[in-house]
Protein backbone atom coordinates (compact mmCIF):
# COMPACT_ATOMS: atom_id res chain seq x y z
CA UNK A 1 88.03 67.50 101.30
CA UNK A 2 86.38 70.03 99.06
CA UNK A 3 86.94 73.73 99.37
CA UNK A 4 87.99 74.32 102.99
CA UNK A 5 87.31 77.81 104.28
CA UNK A 6 88.30 79.45 107.55
CA UNK A 7 86.17 82.25 108.92
CA UNK A 8 85.84 84.55 111.90
CA UNK A 9 87.81 83.88 115.03
CA UNK A 10 89.85 81.04 113.52
CA UNK A 11 91.06 83.25 110.68
CA UNK A 12 91.93 85.99 113.19
CA UNK A 13 93.90 83.50 115.30
CA UNK A 14 95.84 82.35 112.24
CA UNK A 15 96.52 85.98 111.29
CA UNK A 16 98.10 86.60 114.71
CA UNK A 17 100.44 83.67 114.03
CA UNK A 18 101.55 85.29 110.78
CA UNK A 19 99.95 82.79 108.41
CA UNK A 20 100.60 83.57 104.73
CA UNK A 21 97.31 83.47 102.84
CA UNK A 22 98.65 84.47 99.43
CA UNK A 23 102.23 83.47 98.66
CA UNK A 24 102.45 85.68 95.56
CA UNK A 25 101.51 88.77 97.59
CA UNK A 26 103.91 87.76 100.34
CA UNK A 27 106.82 87.34 97.91
CA UNK A 28 106.05 90.64 96.21
CA UNK A 29 105.92 92.50 99.51
CA UNK A 30 109.17 90.87 100.68
CA UNK A 31 110.98 91.76 97.45
CA UNK A 32 109.60 95.31 97.49
CA UNK A 33 110.80 95.83 101.06
CA UNK A 34 114.25 94.51 100.14
CA UNK A 35 114.40 96.73 97.06
CA UNK A 36 113.52 99.78 99.12
CA UNK A 37 116.15 98.93 101.73
CA UNK A 38 118.80 98.44 99.04
CA UNK A 39 117.87 101.76 97.43
CA UNK A 40 118.07 103.56 100.79
CA UNK A 41 121.61 102.25 101.31
CA UNK A 42 122.96 102.57 97.76
CA UNK A 43 120.74 105.20 96.04
CA UNK A 44 120.31 102.84 93.08
CA UNK A 45 118.45 99.69 92.18
CA UNK A 46 121.22 98.52 89.88
CA UNK A 47 122.53 95.78 92.13
CA UNK A 48 125.36 93.36 91.39
CA UNK A 49 124.41 89.74 90.84
CA UNK A 50 125.42 88.68 94.32
CA UNK A 51 123.60 91.52 96.14
CA UNK A 52 121.66 90.43 99.22
CA UNK A 53 119.78 92.62 101.66
CA UNK A 54 117.37 91.62 104.44
CA UNK A 55 118.22 87.99 103.57
CA UNK A 56 116.77 88.49 100.06
CA UNK A 57 118.91 88.07 96.95
CA UNK A 58 118.06 91.07 94.80
CA UNK A 59 120.87 90.94 92.24
CA UNK A 60 120.03 89.50 88.86
């Protein structure tokens, strides 16, 4: 198949199921949310290597 595109009602239905259209944006948003949650709890973004929050490993 060539370029397959989904429009209108079908796209809306997939959105309600939580389909991920752009994995890079999804990963960025997930990491940003985890970073914010870690900062709220620890008042720093300097996390130890094994730090995990919201099921996301944020330590480096």
